[in-house]
PDB file of N, CA and C in Angstrom:
ATOM      1  N   MET A   1      13.122  19.113 -10.768  1.00  0.00           N
ATOM      2  CA  MET A   1      12.829  17.957 -11.087  1.00  0.00           C
ATOM      3  C   MET A   1      11.150  18.777 -10.459  1.00  0.00           C
ATOM      4  N   ALA A   2      10.043  17.606 -10.918  1.00  0.00           N
ATOM      5  CA  ALA A   2       8.913  17.045 -10.512  1.00  0.00           C
ATOM      6  C   ALA A   2       8.437  15.947  -9.641  1.00  0.00           C
ATOM      7  N   ILE A   3       8.053  16.227  -8.259  1.00  0.00           N
ATOM      8  CA  ILE A   3       8.531  15.114  -7.067  1.00  0.00           C
ATOM      9  C   ILE A   3       6.694  14.297  -7.404  1.00  0.00           C
ATOM     10  N   GLU A   4       7.061  12.997  -7.439  1.00  0.00           N
ATOM     11  CA  GLU A   4       5.758  12.113  -8.210  1.00  0.00           C
ATOM     12  C   GLU A   4       5.659  11.641  -6.526  1.00  0.00           C
ATOM     13  N   ARG A   5       4.587  11.323  -6.606  1.00  0.00           N
ATOM     14  CA  ARG A   5       4.271  10.667  -4.823  1.00  0.00           C
ATOM     15  C   ARG A   5       2.730   9.817  -5.780  1.00  0.00           C
ATOM     16  N   THR A   6       3.394   8.156  -4.946  1.00  0.00           N
ATOM     17  CA  THR A   6       2.796   6.817  -5.519  1.00  0.00           C
ATOM     18  C   THR A   6       2.003   6.356  -4.214  1.00  0.00           C
ATOM     19  N   PHE A   7       0.688   6.173  -4.373  1.00  0.00           N
ATOM     20  CA  PHE A   7       0.029   5.924  -3.207  1.00  0.00           C
ATOM     21  C   PHE A   7       0.828   3.696  -3.508  1.00  0.00           C
ATOM     22  N   SER A   8       1.021   3.114  -1.871  1.00  0.00           N
ATOM     23  CA  SER A   8       0.778   1.289  -2.203  1.00  0.00           C
ATOM     24  C   SER A   8       0.139   1.039  -0.503  1.00  0.00           C
ATOM     25  N   MET A   9      -0.787   0.509  -1.179  1.00  0.00           N
ATOM     26  CA  MET A   9      -1.349  -0.411  -0.756  1.00  0.00           C
ATOM     27  C   MET A   9      -1.093  -2.281  -0.159  1.00  0.00           C
ATOM     28  N   ILE A  10      -0.428  -2.815   0.580  1.00  0.00           N
ATOM     29  CA  ILE A  10       0.053  -3.800   1.318  1.00  0.00           C
ATOM     30  C   ILE A  10      -1.501  -4.563   1.596  1.00  0.00           C
ATOM     31  N   LYS A  11      -1.619  -5.280   1.104  1.00  0.00           N
ATOM     32  CA  LYS A  11      -3.255  -5.999   1.286  1.00  0.00           C
ATOM     33  C   LYS A  11      -3.053  -7.112   1.980  1.00  0.00           C
ATOM     34  N   PRO A  12      -4.314  -7.556   2.786  1.00  0.00           N
ATOM     35  CA  PRO A  12      -4.842  -8.126   4.224  1.00  0.00           C
ATOM     36  C   PRO A  12      -3.472  -9.202   4.128  1.00  0.00           C
ATOM     37  N   ASP A  13      -3.434 -10.181   2.933  1.00  0.00           N
ATOM     38  CA  ASP A  13      -3.340 -11.870   2.469  1.00  0.00           C
ATOM     39  C   ASP A  13      -1.774 -11.577   2.829  1.00  0.00           C
ATOM     40  N   ALA A  14      -0.855 -10.867   2.352  1.00  0.00           N
ATOM     41  CA  ALA A  14       0.554 -10.501   1.985  1.00  0.00           C
ATOM     42  C   ALA A  14       1.448 -10.162   3.891  1.00  0.00           C
ATOM     43  N   THR A  15       0.237  -9.323   3.974  1.00  0.00           N
ATOM     44  CA  THR A  15       0.685  -8.760   5.613  1.00  0.00           C
ATOM     45  C   THR A  15       0.747 -10.413   6.900  1.00  0.00           C
ATOM     46  N   ARG A  16      -0.332 -11.347   6.418  1.00  0.00           N
ATOM     47  CA  ARG A  16      -1.052 -12.206   7.089  1.00  0.00           C
ATOM     48  C   ARG A  16       0.736 -13.147   6.657  1.00  0.00           C
ATOM     49  N   ARG A  17       1.245 -13.522   5.816  1.00  0.00           N
ATOM     50  CA  ARG A  17       2.143 -14.320   4.922  1.00  0.00           C
ATOM     51  C   ARG A  17       3.211 -14.166   5.043  1.00  0.00           C
ATOM     52  N   ASN A  18       3.589 -12.520   6.289  1.00  0.00           N
ATOM     53  CA  ASN A  18       4.405 -11.490   6.872  1.00  0.00           C
ATOM     54  C   ASN A  18       5.559 -10.863   5.758  1.00  0.00           C
ATOM     55  N   LEU A  19       4.800 -10.938   4.511  1.00  0.00           N
ATOM     56  CA  LEU A  19       5.844  -9.737   3.558  1.00  0.00           C
ATOM     57  C   LEU A  19       5.546  -8.538   2.633  1.00  0.00           C
ATOM     58  N   THR A  20       5.338  -7.885   4.345  1.00  0.00           N
ATOM     59  CA  THR A  20       5.169  -6.887   4.465  1.00  0.00           C
ATOM     60  C   THR A  20       6.952  -6.373   4.312  1.00  0.00           C
ATOM     61  N   GLY A  21       7.804  -6.668   4.692  1.00  0.00           N
ATOM     62  CA  GLY A  21       9.084  -5.948   4.613  1.00  0.00           C
ATOM     63  C   GLY A  21       9.674  -5.879   3.082  1.00  0.00           C
ATOM     64  N   ALA A  22       8.826  -7.535   3.069  1.00  0.00           N
ATOM     65  CA  ALA A  22       9.831  -8.053   1.792  1.00  0.00           C
ATOM     66  C   ALA A  22       9.064  -6.666   0.346  1.00  0.00           C
ATOM     67  N   ILE A  23       7.834  -6.603   0.496  1.00  0.00           N
ATOM     68  CA  ILE A  23       7.381  -5.847  -0.416  1.00  0.00           C
ATOM     69  C   ILE A  23       8.119  -4.064   0.242  1.00  0.00           C
ATOM     70  N   THR A  24       8.039  -3.932   0.676  1.00  0.00           N
ATOM     71  CA  THR A  24       8.947  -2.668   1.411  1.00  0.00           C
ATOM     72  C   THR A  24      10.176  -2.507   0.320  1.00  0.00           C
ATOM     73  N   LYS A  25      11.041  -3.855   1.117  1.00  0.00           N
ATOM     74  CA  LYS A  25      12.579  -3.584  -0.121  1.00  0.00           C
ATOM     75  C   LYS A  25      12.087  -3.516  -1.690  1.00  0.00           C
ATOM     76  N   MET A  26      11.027  -3.846  -2.231  1.00  0.00           N
ATOM     77  CA  MET A  26      10.729  -4.129  -3.644  1.00  0.00           C
ATOM     78  C   MET A  26      11.147  -3.131  -4.041  1.00  0.00           C
ATOM     79  N   LEU A  27      10.047  -2.163  -2.963  1.00  0.00           N
ATOM     80  CA  LEU A  27       9.541  -0.615  -3.704  1.00  0.00           C
ATOM     81  C   LEU A  27      10.997   0.107  -3.899  1.00  0.00           C
ATOM     82  N   GLU A  28      11.233  -0.126  -2.276  1.00  0.00           N
ATOM     83  CA  GLU A  28      12.529   0.584  -1.829  1.00  0.00           C
ATOM     84  C   GLU A  28      13.336  -0.040  -3.512  1.00  0.00           C
ATOM     85  N   ASP A  29      14.204  -1.210  -3.866  1.00  0.00           N
ATOM     86  CA  ASP A  29      14.950  -1.795  -4.515  1.00  0.00           C
ATOM     87  C   ASP A  29      14.629  -0.721  -6.119  1.00  0.00           C
ATOM     88  N   ALA A  30      13.246  -0.633  -6.618  1.00  0.00           N
ATOM     89  CA  ALA A  30      12.544   0.510  -7.539  1.00  0.00           C
ATOM     90  C   ALA A  30      13.075   1.561  -7.545  1.00  0.00           C
ATOM     91  N   GLY A  31      13.280   2.483  -6.670  1.00  0.00           N
ATOM     92  CA  GLY A  31      13.447   3.382  -6.778  1.00  0.00           C
ATOM     93  C   GLY A  31      12.504   4.952  -6.183  1.00  0.00           C
ATOM     94  N   LEU A  32      12.164   3.826  -4.980  1.00  0.00           N
ATOM     95  CA  LEU A  32      11.037   4.849  -4.609  1.00  0.00           C
ATOM     96  C   LEU A  32      11.210   5.296  -3.138  1.00  0.00           C
ATOM     97  N   ARG A  33      11.210   5.959  -2.409  1.00  0.00           N
ATOM     98  CA  ARG A  33      11.803   6.066  -1.040  1.00  0.00           C
ATOM     99  C   ARG A  33       9.947   6.481   0.038  1.00  0.00           C
ATOM    100  N   VAL A  34       9.464   5.565   1.098  1.00  0.00           N
ATOM    101  CA  VAL A  34       9.000   5.270   1.968  1.00  0.00           C
ATOM    102  C   VAL A  34       8.921   6.190   2.540  1.00  0.00           C
ATOM    103  N   VAL A  35       8.033   7.844   2.343  1.00  0.00           N
ATOM    104  CA  VAL A  35       8.273   9.228   3.626  1.00  0.00           C
ATOM    105  C   VAL A  35       7.440   8.636   4.434  1.00  0.00           C
ATOM    106  N   ALA A  36       6.346   7.497   4.810  1.00  0.00           N
ATOM    107  CA  ALA A  36       5.097   7.658   5.693  1.00  0.00           C
ATOM    108  C   ALA A  36       4.503   6.208   5.294  1.00  0.00           C
ATOM    109  N   SER A  37       3.875   5.564   6.562  1.00  0.00           N
ATOM    110  CA  SER A  37       3.799   4.695   6.500  1.00  0.00           C
ATOM    111  C   SER A  37       2.198   4.327   7.679  1.00  0.00           C
ATOM    112  N   ARG A  38       1.468   4.215   7.143  1.00  0.00           N
ATOM    113  CA  ARG A  38       0.707   3.744   8.788  1.00  0.00           C
ATOM    114  C   ARG A  38      -0.684   2.235   8.895  1.00  0.00           C
ATOM    115  N   ARG A  39      -0.758   1.381   9.545  1.00  0.00           N
ATOM    116  CA  ARG A  39      -0.855  -0.064   9.076  1.00  0.00           C
ATOM    117  C   ARG A  39      -3.365   0.526   9.695  1.00  0.00           C
ATOM    118  N   VAL A  40      -3.554   0.595   8.952  1.00  0.00           N
ATOM    119  CA  VAL A  40      -5.496   0.406   9.280  1.00  0.00           C
ATOM    120  C   VAL A  40      -6.179  -0.870   8.801  1.00  0.00           C
ATOM    121  N   TRP A  41      -6.833  -0.486   9.611  1.00  0.00           N
ATOM    122  CA  TRP A  41      -7.805  -2.162  10.217  1.00  0.00           C
ATOM    123  C   TRP A  41      -8.992  -1.079   9.218  1.00  0.00           C
ATOM    124  N   MET A  42     -10.161  -1.697   7.901  1.00  0.00           N
ATOM    125  CA  MET A  42     -10.632  -1.302   7.323  1.00  0.00           C
ATOM    126  C   MET A  42     -12.141  -2.366   7.266  1.00  0.00           C
ATOM    127  N   SER A  43     -13.191  -1.370   7.800  1.00  0.00           N
ATOM    128  CA  SER A  43     -13.901  -1.963   7.963  1.00  0.00           C
ATOM    129  C   SER A  43     -14.652  -2.862   6.160  1.00  0.00           C
ATOM    130  N   ARG A  44     -15.392  -3.469   6.199  1.00  0.00           N
ATOM    131  CA  ARG A  44     -16.063  -4.514   4.736  1.00  0.00           C
ATOM    132  C   ARG A  44     -16.335  -2.834   4.068  1.00  0.00           C
ATOM    133  N   ARG A  45     -16.870  -1.981   4.750  1.00  0.00           N
ATOM    134  CA  ARG A  45     -17.926  -1.310   3.928  1.00  0.00           C
ATOM    135  C   ARG A  45     -16.570  -0.354   3.284  1.00  0.00           C
ATOM    136  N   GLU A  46     -15.611   0.034   4.721  1.00  0.00           N
ATOM    137  CA  GLU A  46     -15.319   1.127   3.698  1.00  0.00           C
ATOM    138  C   GLU A  46     -14.220   0.888   3.235  1.00  0.00           C
ATOM    139  N   ALA A  47     -13.432  -0.013   2.627  1.00  0.00           N
ATOM    140  CA  ALA A  47     -12.745  -1.081   1.821  1.00  0.00           C
ATOM    141  C   ALA A  47     -13.417  -1.093   0.744  1.00  0.00           C
ATOM    142  N   GLU A  48     -15.070  -1.235   0.387  1.00  0.00           N
ATOM    143  CA  GLU A  48     -15.600  -1.432  -0.264  1.00  0.00           C
ATOM    144  C   GLU A  48     -16.203   0.217  -0.709  1.00  0.00           C
ATOM    145  N   GLY A  49     -16.443   1.088  -0.575  1.00  0.00           N
ATOM    146  CA  GLY A  49     -15.577   2.204  -0.477  1.00  0.00           C
ATOM    147  C   GLY A  49     -14.613   2.511  -1.288  1.00  0.00           C
ATOM    148  N   PHE A  50     -13.837   2.112  -0.608  1.00  0.00           N
ATOM    149  CA  PHE A  50     -12.088   2.625  -1.113  1.00  0.00           C
ATOM    150  C   PHE A  50     -12.314   1.809  -2.719  1.00  0.00           C
ATOM    151  N   TYR A  51     -12.370   0.512  -2.765  1.00  0.00           N
ATOM    152  CA  TYR A  51     -12.316  -0.110  -3.991  1.00  0.00           C
ATOM    153  C   TYR A  51     -13.732   0.842  -5.375  1.00  0.00           C
ATOM    154  N   ALA A  52     -14.490   1.146  -4.701  1.00  0.00           N
ATOM    155  CA  ALA A  52     -15.188   1.890  -5.265  1.00  0.00           C
ATOM    156  C   ALA A  52     -14.559   2.595  -6.727  1.00  0.00           C
ATOM    157  N   VAL A  53     -14.148   3.794  -5.660  1.00  0.00           N
ATOM    158  CA  VAL A  53     -13.905   4.660  -6.101  1.00  0.00           C
ATOM    159  C   VAL A  53     -12.413   4.289  -7.134  1.00  0.00           C
ATOM    160  N   HIS A  54     -11.717   3.585  -7.169  1.00  0.00           N
ATOM    161  CA  HIS A  54     -10.819   3.506  -7.864  1.00  0.00           C
ATOM    162  C   HIS A  54     -10.528   2.182  -8.907  1.00  0.00           C
ATOM    163  N   LYS A  55     -11.870   1.653  -8.925  1.00  0.00           N
ATOM    164  CA  LYS A  55     -12.587   0.888  -9.835  1.00  0.00           C
ATOM    165  C   LYS A  55     -12.442   1.346 -11.518  1.00  0.00           C
ATOM    166  N   ASP A  56     -11.711   0.453 -11.981  1.00  0.00           N
ATOM    167  CA  ASP A  56     -11.378   0.466 -13.740  1.00  0.00           C
ATOM    168  C   ASP A  56     -10.285   1.075 -13.661  1.00  0.00           C
TER     169      ASP A  56
END
């Protein structure tokens, strides 16, 4: 069986509303396993660069 990797990002508004734990639980309940996690603060420029690559 092939192993698939999925990237997920919890956006700042969800973090501000303390939803990080609930979102992680939803992912795990869906059968996904969190193998790594880190908190990153992006500048506006970094965020725009990230989204430009994933646009469309």
